[in-house]
PDB file of N, CA and C in Angstrom:
ATOM      1  N   TRP A   1       3.023  11.473   4.332  1.00  0.00           N
ATOM      2  CA  TRP A   1       2.854  10.364   3.412  1.00  0.00           C
ATOM      3  C   TRP A   1       1.565   9.597   3.700  1.00  0.00           C
ATOM      4  N   GLU A   2       1.358   9.232   4.946  1.00  0.00           N
ATOM      5  CA  GLU A   2       0.186   8.418   5.293  1.00  0.00           C
ATOM      6  C   GLU A   2      -1.138   9.091   4.932  1.00  0.00           C
ATOM      7  N   PRO A   3      -1.339  10.377   5.249  1.00  0.00           N
ATOM      8  CA  PRO A   3      -2.607  11.014   4.855  1.00  0.00           C
ATOM      9  C   PRO A   3      -2.823  11.004   3.341  1.00  0.00           C
ATOM     10  N   HIS A   4      -1.747  11.127   2.579  1.00  0.00           N
ATOM     11  CA  HIS A   4      -1.861  11.088   1.117  1.00  0.00           C
ATOM     12  C   HIS A   4      -2.317   9.708   0.648  1.00  0.00           C
ATOM     13  N   MET A   5      -1.767   8.661   1.240  1.00  0.00           N
ATOM     14  CA  MET A   5      -2.143   7.309   0.838  1.00  0.00           C
ATOM     15  C   MET A   5      -3.563   6.961   1.276  1.00  0.00           C
ATOM     16  N   GLN A   6      -3.972   7.452   2.433  1.00  0.00           N
ATOM     17  CA  GLN A   6      -5.349   7.210   2.871  1.00  0.00           C
ATOM     18  C   GLN A   6      -6.338   7.867   1.914  1.00  0.00           C
ATOM     19  N   ALA A   7      -6.059   9.101   1.519  1.00  0.00           N
ATOM     20  CA  ALA A   7      -6.939   9.807   0.577  1.00  0.00           C
ATOM     21  C   ALA A   7      -6.932   9.112  -0.781  1.00  0.00           C
ATOM     22  N   TYR A   8      -5.759   8.709  -1.237  1.00  0.00           N
ATOM     23  CA  TYR A   8      -5.646   8.052  -2.543  1.00  0.00           C
ATOM     24  C   TYR A   8      -6.383   6.716  -2.557  1.00  0.00           C
ATOM     25  N   SER A   9      -6.312   5.984  -1.466  1.00  0.00           N
ATOM     26  CA  SER A   9      -6.953   4.671  -1.388  1.00  0.00           C
ATOM     27  C   SER A   9      -8.468   4.749  -1.522  1.00  0.00           C
ATOM     28  N   LYS A  10      -9.043   5.891  -1.198  1.00  0.00           N
ATOM     29  CA  LYS A  10     -10.496   6.059  -1.274  1.00  0.00           C
ATOM     30  C   LYS A  10     -10.979   6.411  -2.681  1.00  0.00           C
ATOM     31  N   LEU A  11     -10.056   6.729  -3.583  1.00  0.00           N
ATOM     32  CA  LEU A  11     -10.438   7.114  -4.937  1.00  0.00           C
ATOM     33  C   LEU A  11     -10.896   5.913  -5.753  1.00  0.00           C
ATOM     34  N   SER A  12     -11.800   6.166  -6.683  1.00  0.00           N
ATOM     35  CA  SER A  12     -12.238   5.118  -7.611  1.00  0.00           C
ATOM     36  C   SER A  12     -11.326   5.144  -8.823  1.00  0.00           C
ATOM     37  N   LEU A  13     -10.767   4.007  -9.141  1.00  0.00           N
ATOM     38  CA  LEU A  13      -9.870   3.911 -10.286  1.00  0.00           C
ATOM     39  C   LEU A  13     -10.492   3.015 -11.346  1.00  0.00           C
ATOM     40  N   THR A  14     -10.024   3.159 -12.580  1.00  0.00           N
ATOM     41  CA  THR A  14     -10.563   2.370 -13.679  1.00  0.00           C
ATOM     42  C   THR A  14     -10.374   0.878 -13.434  1.00  0.00           C
ATOM     43  N   TYR A  15      -9.169   0.483 -13.111  1.00  0.00           N
ATOM     44  CA  TYR A  15      -8.846  -0.919 -12.836  1.00  0.00           C
ATOM     45  C   TYR A  15      -8.085  -0.978 -11.513  1.00  0.00           C
ATOM     46  N   PRO A  16      -8.789  -0.898 -10.383  1.00  0.00           N
ATOM     47  CA  PRO A  16      -8.104  -0.792  -9.095  1.00  0.00           C
ATOM     48  C   PRO A  16      -7.070  -1.877  -8.828  1.00  0.00           C
ATOM     49  N   LYS A  17      -7.327  -3.102  -9.256  1.00  0.00           N
ATOM     50  CA  LYS A  17      -6.371  -4.175  -8.971  1.00  0.00           C
ATOM     51  C   LYS A  17      -5.091  -4.018  -9.774  1.00  0.00           C
ATOM     52  N   LYS A  18      -5.143  -3.255 -10.862  1.00  0.00           N
ATOM     53  CA  LYS A  18      -3.957  -3.051 -11.693  1.00  0.00           C
ATOM     54  C   LYS A  18      -3.391  -1.649 -11.520  1.00  0.00           C
ATOM     55  N   ASP A  19      -4.261  -0.645 -11.486  1.00  0.00           N
ATOM     56  CA  ASP A  19      -3.825   0.748 -11.495  1.00  0.00           C
ATOM     57  C   ASP A  19      -3.270   1.252 -10.172  1.00  0.00           C
ATOM     58  N   LYS A  20      -3.874   0.832  -9.087  1.00  0.00           N
ATOM     59  CA  LYS A  20      -3.576   1.452  -7.798  1.00  0.00           C
ATOM     60  C   LYS A  20      -2.097   1.358  -7.423  1.00  0.00           C
ATOM     61  N   LEU A  21      -1.525   0.172  -7.436  1.00  0.00           N
ATOM     62  CA  LEU A  21      -0.131   0.029  -7.012  1.00  0.00           C
ATOM     63  C   LEU A  21       0.844   0.632  -8.013  1.00  0.00           C
ATOM     64  N   VAL A  22       0.494   0.616  -9.291  1.00  0.00           N
ATOM     65  CA  VAL A  22       1.347   1.244 -10.305  1.00  0.00           C
ATOM     66  C   VAL A  22       1.389   2.749 -10.064  1.00  0.00           C
ATOM     67  N   ALA A  23       0.226   3.339  -9.830  1.00  0.00           N
ATOM     68  CA  ALA A  23       0.161   4.780  -9.585  1.00  0.00           C
ATOM     69  C   ALA A  23       0.875   5.151  -8.292  1.00  0.00           C
ATOM     70  N   ILE A  24       0.675   4.367  -7.255  1.00  0.00           N
ATOM     71  CA  ILE A  24       1.351   4.637  -5.987  1.00  0.00           C
ATOM     72  C   ILE A  24       2.859   4.528  -6.163  1.00  0.00           C
ATOM     73  N   GLY A  25       3.309   3.581  -6.971  1.00  0.00           N
ATOM     74  CA  GLY A  25       4.744   3.448  -7.240  1.00  0.00           C
ATOM     75  C   GLY A  25       5.329   4.706  -7.854  1.00  0.00           C
ATOM     76  N   ALA A  26       4.592   5.323  -8.765  1.00  0.00           N
ATOM     77  CA  ALA A  26       5.063   6.566  -9.386  1.00  0.00           C
ATOM     78  C   ALA A  26       5.115   7.696  -8.362  1.00  0.00           C
ATOM     79  N   ILE A  27       4.118   7.754  -7.505  1.00  0.00           N
ATOM     80  CA  ILE A  27       4.075   8.796  -6.474  1.00  0.00           C
ATOM     81  C   ILE A  27       5.223   8.612  -5.487  1.00  0.00           C
ATOM     82  N   THR A  28       5.509   7.373  -5.133  1.00  0.00           N
ATOM     83  CA  THR A  28       6.559   7.124  -4.141  1.00  0.00           C
ATOM     84  C   THR A  28       7.936   7.538  -4.632  1.00  0.00           C
ATOM     85  N   ARG A  29       8.174   7.468  -5.915  1.00  0.00           N
ATOM     86  CA  ARG A  29       9.485   7.908  -6.433  1.00  0.00           C
ATOM     87  C   ARG A  29       9.716   9.381  -6.121  1.00  0.00           C
ATOM     88  N   LYS A  30       8.664  10.175  -6.183  1.00  0.00           N
ATOM     89  CA  LYS A  30       8.775  11.599  -5.832  1.00  0.00           C
ATOM     90  C   LYS A  30       9.007  11.753  -4.328  1.00  0.00           C
ATOM     91  N   PHE A  31       8.251  10.988  -3.534  1.00  0.00           N
ATOM     92  CA  PHE A  31       8.384  11.077  -2.085  1.00  0.00           C
ATOM     93  C   PHE A  31       9.739  10.560  -1.605  1.00  0.00           C
ATOM     94  N   GLU A  32      10.307   9.562  -2.285  1.00  0.00           N
ATOM     95  CA  GLU A  32      11.638   9.072  -1.910  1.00  0.00           C
ATOM     96  C   GLU A  32      12.653  10.205  -1.964  1.00  0.00           C
ATOM     97  N   LYS A  33      12.585  11.003  -3.009  1.00  0.00           N
ATOM     98  CA  LYS A  33      13.520  12.123  -3.154  1.00  0.00           C
ATOM     99  C   LYS A  33      13.268  13.180  -2.086  1.00  0.00           C
ATOM    100  N   LEU A  34      11.992  13.487  -1.833  1.00  0.00           N
ATOM    101  CA  LEU A  34      11.654  14.501  -0.834  1.00  0.00           C
ATOM    102  C   LEU A  34      12.048  14.067   0.575  1.00  0.00           C
ATOM    103  N   ARG A  35      11.819  12.818   0.883  1.00  0.00           N
ATOM    104  CA  ARG A  35      12.080  12.298   2.228  1.00  0.00           C
ATOM    105  C   ARG A  35      13.512  11.822   2.423  1.00  0.00           C
ATOM    106  N   GLY A  36      14.201  11.508   1.331  1.00  0.00           N
ATOM    107  CA  GLY A  36      15.531  10.920   1.451  1.00  0.00           C
ATOM    108  C   GLY A  36      15.448   9.539   2.096  1.00  0.00           C
ATOM    109  N   ASP A  37      14.416   8.799   1.739  1.00  0.00           N
ATOM    110  CA  ASP A  37      14.136   7.499   2.343  1.00  0.00           C
ATOM    111  C   ASP A  37      13.865   6.492   1.232  1.00  0.00           C
ATOM    112  N   HIS A  38      13.993   5.214   1.530  1.00  0.00           N
ATOM    113  CA  HIS A  38      13.798   4.150   0.544  1.00  0.00           C
ATOM    114  C   HIS A  38      12.425   3.515   0.737  1.00  0.00           C
ATOM    115  N   TYR A  39      11.717   3.276  -0.363  1.00  0.00           N
ATOM    116  CA  TYR A  39      10.371   2.702  -0.351  1.00  0.00           C
ATOM    117  C   TYR A  39      10.449   1.195  -0.549  1.00  0.00           C
ATOM    118  N   LEU A  40       9.819   0.438   0.345  1.00  0.00           N
ATOM    119  CA  LEU A  40       9.865  -1.025   0.311  1.00  0.00           C
ATOM    120  C   LEU A  40       8.455  -1.607   0.351  1.00  0.00           C
ATOM    121  N   ALA A  41       7.945  -2.064  -0.771  1.00  0.00           N
ATOM    122  CA  ALA A  41       6.674  -2.798  -0.831  1.00  0.00           C
ATOM    123  C   ALA A  41       5.540  -2.126  -0.060  1.00  0.00           C
ATOM    124  N   GLY A  42       5.358  -0.845  -0.273  1.00  0.00           N
ATOM    125  CA  GLY A  42       4.242  -0.145   0.350  1.00  0.00           C
ATOM    126  C   GLY A  42       4.596   0.643   1.593  1.00  0.00           C
ATOM    127  N   LEU A  43       5.841   0.565   2.033  1.00  0.00           N
ATOM    128  CA  LEU A  43       6.252   1.264   3.245  1.00  0.00           C
ATOM    129  C   LEU A  43       7.610   1.927   3.040  1.00  0.00           C
ATOM    130  N   PHE A  44       7.814   3.054   3.712  1.00  0.00           N
ATOM    131  CA  PHE A  44       9.134   3.674   3.693  1.00  0.00           C
ATOM    132  C   PHE A  44       9.984   3.041   4.784  1.00  0.00           C
ATOM    133  N   GLN A  45      11.242   2.818   4.474  1.00  0.00           N
ATOM    134  CA  GLN A  45      12.154   2.134   5.387  1.00  0.00           C
ATOM    135  C   GLN A  45      12.174   2.793   6.765  1.00  0.00           C
ATOM    136  N   GLY A  46      12.206   4.112   6.809  1.00  0.00           N
ATOM    137  CA  GLY A  46      12.239   4.820   8.086  1.00  0.00           C
ATOM    138  C   GLY A  46      10.968   4.666   8.905  1.00  0.00           C
ATOM    139  N   ASP A  47       9.880   4.275   8.249  1.00  0.00           N
ATOM    140  CA  ASP A  47       8.591   4.107   8.923  1.00  0.00           C
ATOM    141  C   ASP A  47       8.291   2.659   9.295  1.00  0.00           C
ATOM    142  N   LEU A  48       9.169   1.725   8.944  1.00  0.00           N
ATOM    143  CA  LEU A  48       8.873   0.300   9.124  1.00  0.00           C
ATOM    144  C   LEU A  48       8.422  -0.093  10.530  1.00  0.00           C
ATOM    145  N   PRO A  49       9.121   0.315  11.591  1.00  0.00           N
ATOM    146  CA  PRO A  49       8.678  -0.140  12.920  1.00  0.00           C
ATOM    147  C   PRO A  49       7.219   0.211  13.215  1.00  0.00           C
ATOM    148  N   GLN A  50       6.817   1.424  12.942  1.00  0.00           N
ATOM    149  CA  GLN A  50       5.438   1.833  13.199  1.00  0.00           C
ATOM    150  C   GLN A  50       4.484   1.311  12.128  1.00  0.00           C
ATOM    151  N   ALA A  51       4.903   1.346  10.874  1.00  0.00           N
ATOM    152  CA  ALA A  51       4.021   0.980   9.766  1.00  0.00           C
ATOM    153  C   ALA A  51       3.653  -0.497   9.770  1.00  0.00           C
ATOM    154  N   LEU A  52       4.484  -1.336  10.323  1.00  0.00           N
ATOM    155  CA  LEU A  52       4.170  -2.767  10.362  1.00  0.00           C
ATOM    156  C   LEU A  52       3.055  -3.093  11.351  1.00  0.00           C
ATOM    157  N   LEU A  53       2.614  -2.105  12.104  1.00  0.00           N
ATOM    158  CA  LEU A  53       1.520  -2.304  13.052  1.00  0.00           C
ATOM    159  C   LEU A  53       0.162  -1.992  12.433  1.00  0.00           C
ATOM    160  N   TRP A  54       0.088  -1.845  11.112  1.00  0.00           N
ATOM    161  CA  TRP A  54      -1.171  -1.485  10.450  1.00  0.00           C
ATOM    162  C   TRP A  54      -2.216  -2.584  10.638  1.00  0.00           C
ATOM    163  N   GLU A  55      -3.471  -2.182  10.510  1.00  0.00           N
ATOM    164  CA  GLU A  55      -4.573  -3.138  10.520  1.00  0.00           C
ATOM    165  C   GLU A  55      -5.670  -2.603   9.610  1.00  0.00           C
ATOM    166  N   PRO A  56      -6.505  -3.480   9.060  1.00  0.00           N
ATOM    167  CA  PRO A  56      -7.568  -3.027   8.167  1.00  0.00           C
ATOM    168  C   PRO A  56      -8.547  -2.123   8.903  1.00  0.00           C
ATOM    169  N   ALA A  57      -9.128  -1.169   8.179  1.00  0.00           N
ATOM    170  CA  ALA A  57     -10.095  -0.246   8.769  1.00  0.00           C
ATOM    171  C   ALA A  57     -11.373  -0.965   9.177  1.00  0.00           C
ATOM    172  N   SER A  58     -11.729  -2.015   8.472  1.00  0.00           N
ATOM    173  CA  SER A  58     -12.933  -2.777   8.810  1.00  0.00           C
ATOM    174  C   SER A  58     -12.562  -4.247   8.948  1.00  0.00           C
ATOM    175  N   SER A  59     -13.392  -4.975   9.657  1.00  0.00           N
ATOM    176  CA  SER A  59     -13.092  -6.393   9.837  1.00  0.00           C
ATOM    177  C   SER A  59     -13.306  -7.143   8.525  1.00  0.00           C
ATOM    178  N   ILE A  60     -12.534  -8.172   8.335  1.00  0.00           N
ATOM    179  CA  ILE A  60     -12.595  -8.969   7.118  1.00  0.00           C
ATOM    180  C   ILE A  60     -13.041 -10.376   7.494  1.00  0.00           C
ATOM    181  N   ASP A  61     -13.993 -10.898   6.760  1.00  0.00           N
ATOM    182  CA  ASP A  61     -14.422 -12.277   6.968  1.00  0.00           C
ATOM    183  C   ASP A  61     -13.544 -13.161   6.085  1.00  0.00           C
ATOM    184  N   TYR A  62     -12.511 -13.740   6.672  1.00  0.00           N
ATOM    185  CA  TYR A  62     -11.560 -14.531   5.900  1.00  0.00           C
ATOM    186  C   TYR A  62     -12.166 -15.826   5.376  1.00  0.00           C
ATOM    187  N   ASN A  63     -13.274 -16.262   5.958  1.00  0.00           N
ATOM    188  CA  ASN A  63     -13.945 -17.456   5.452  1.00  0.00           C
ATOM    189  C   ASN A  63     -14.629 -17.184   4.115  1.00  0.00           C
ATOM    190  N   LYS A  64     -15.097 -15.956   3.906  1.00  0.00           N
ATOM    191  CA  LYS A  64     -15.786 -15.599   2.667  1.00  0.00           C
ATOM    192  C   LYS A  64     -14.833 -15.025   1.631  1.00  0.00           C
ATOM    193  N   SER A  65     -13.825 -14.331   2.083  1.00  0.00           N
ATOM    194  CA  SER A  65     -12.921 -13.621   1.174  1.00  0.00           C
ATOM    195  C   SER A  65     -11.625 -14.399   0.986  1.00  0.00           C
ATOM    196  N   LYS A  66     -11.395 -14.840  -0.210  1.00  0.00           N
ATOM    197  CA  LYS A  66     -10.150 -15.537  -0.546  1.00  0.00           C
ATOM    198  C   LYS A  66      -9.420 -14.697  -1.587  1.00  0.00           C
ATOM    199  N   SER A  67      -9.104 -13.459  -1.211  1.00  0.00           N
ATOM    200  CA  SER A  67      -8.489 -12.549  -2.174  1.00  0.00           C
ATOM    201  C   SER A  67      -7.076 -12.995  -2.515  1.00  0.00           C
ATOM    202  N   LYS A  68      -6.705 -12.756  -3.752  1.00  0.00           N
ATOM    203  CA  LYS A  68      -5.359 -13.076  -4.214  1.00  0.00           C
ATOM    204  C   LYS A  68      -4.516 -11.816  -4.158  1.00  0.00           C
ATOM    205  N   ARG A  69      -3.267 -11.984  -3.803  1.00  0.00           N
ATOM    206  CA  ARG A  69      -2.365 -10.847  -3.801  1.00  0.00           C
ATOM    207  C   ARG A  69      -2.083 -10.443  -5.230  1.00  0.00           C
ATOM    208  N   ILE A  70      -1.950  -9.157  -5.453  1.00  0.00           N
ATOM    209  CA  ILE A  70      -1.720  -8.628  -6.789  1.00  0.00           C
ATOM    210  C   ILE A  70      -0.378  -9.102  -7.314  1.00  0.00           C
ATOM    211  N   GLY A  71      -0.424  -9.886  -8.373  1.00  0.00           N
ATOM    212  CA  GLY A  71       0.797 -10.367  -9.003  1.00  0.00           C
ATOM    213  C   GLY A  71       1.610 -11.307  -8.130  1.00  0.00           C
ATOM    214  N   GLY A  72       1.161 -11.556  -6.909  1.00  0.00           N
ATOM    215  CA  GLY A  72       1.890 -12.422  -5.999  1.00  0.00           C
ATOM    216  C   GLY A  72       3.245 -11.867  -5.601  1.00  0.00           C
ATOM    217  N   GLN A  73       3.475 -10.574  -5.834  1.00  0.00           N
ATOM    218  CA  GLN A  73       4.787  -9.989  -5.573  1.00  0.00           C
ATOM    219  C   GLN A  73       4.806  -9.090  -4.347  1.00  0.00           C
ATOM    220  N   THR A  74       3.665  -8.837  -3.757  1.00  0.00           N
ATOM    221  CA  THR A  74       3.608  -7.947  -2.610  1.00  0.00           C
ATOM    222  C   THR A  74       3.689  -8.772  -1.330  1.00  0.00           C
ATOM    223  N   PRO A  75       4.614  -8.453  -0.428  1.00  0.00           N
ATOM    224  CA  PRO A  75       4.736  -9.223   0.811  1.00  0.00           C
ATOM    225  C   PRO A  75       3.453  -9.161   1.636  1.00  0.00           C
ATOM    226  N   SER A  76       3.138 -10.220   2.331  1.00  0.00           N
ATOM    227  CA  SER A  76       1.906 -10.271   3.120  1.00  0.00           C
ATOM    228  C   SER A  76       1.897  -9.249   4.248  1.00  0.00           C
ATOM    229  N   TRP A  77       3.058  -8.784   4.707  1.00  0.00           N
ATOM    230  CA  TRP A  77       3.112  -7.828   5.805  1.00  0.00           C
ATOM    231  C   TRP A  77       2.826  -6.399   5.362  1.00  0.00           C
ATOM    232  N   SER A  78       2.714  -6.167   4.077  1.00  0.00           N
ATOM    233  CA  SER A  78       2.465  -4.818   3.565  1.00  0.00           C
ATOM    234  C   SER A  78       0.975  -4.556   3.405  1.00  0.00           C
ATOM    235  N   TRP A  79       0.543  -3.320   3.670  1.00  0.00           N
ATOM    236  CA  TRP A  79      -0.852  -2.940   3.451  1.00  0.00           C
ATOM    237  C   TRP A  79      -1.214  -3.097   1.976  1.00  0.00           C
ATOM    238  N   ALA A  80      -0.231  -3.116   1.097  1.00  0.00           N
ATOM    239  CA  ALA A  80      -0.470  -3.203  -0.347  1.00  0.00           C
ATOM    240  C   ALA A  80      -0.778  -4.632  -0.800  1.00  0.00           C
ATOM    241  N   SER A  81      -0.683  -5.613   0.099  1.00  0.00           N
ATOM    242  CA  SER A  81      -0.885  -7.011  -0.308  1.00  0.00           C
ATOM    243  C   SER A  81      -2.328  -7.357  -0.589  1.00  0.00           C
TER     244      SER A  81
END
């Protein structure tokens, strides 16, 4: 799952702030069936202990970047926020 999401995240999308999570949601429905696991806000339930240790690939200047969460519905602990 993780290698697929890393590759997908690098793709250029028409409207990344709108398209990316919608498309990932469709993909996860297939993976839920294959894995027999439940998907929760960007993470599979069985992966939660390890997946919650994620960190950004590059440093972020929080003083300059005041990004808004997409739709305000994604938990801050998820990489999808």
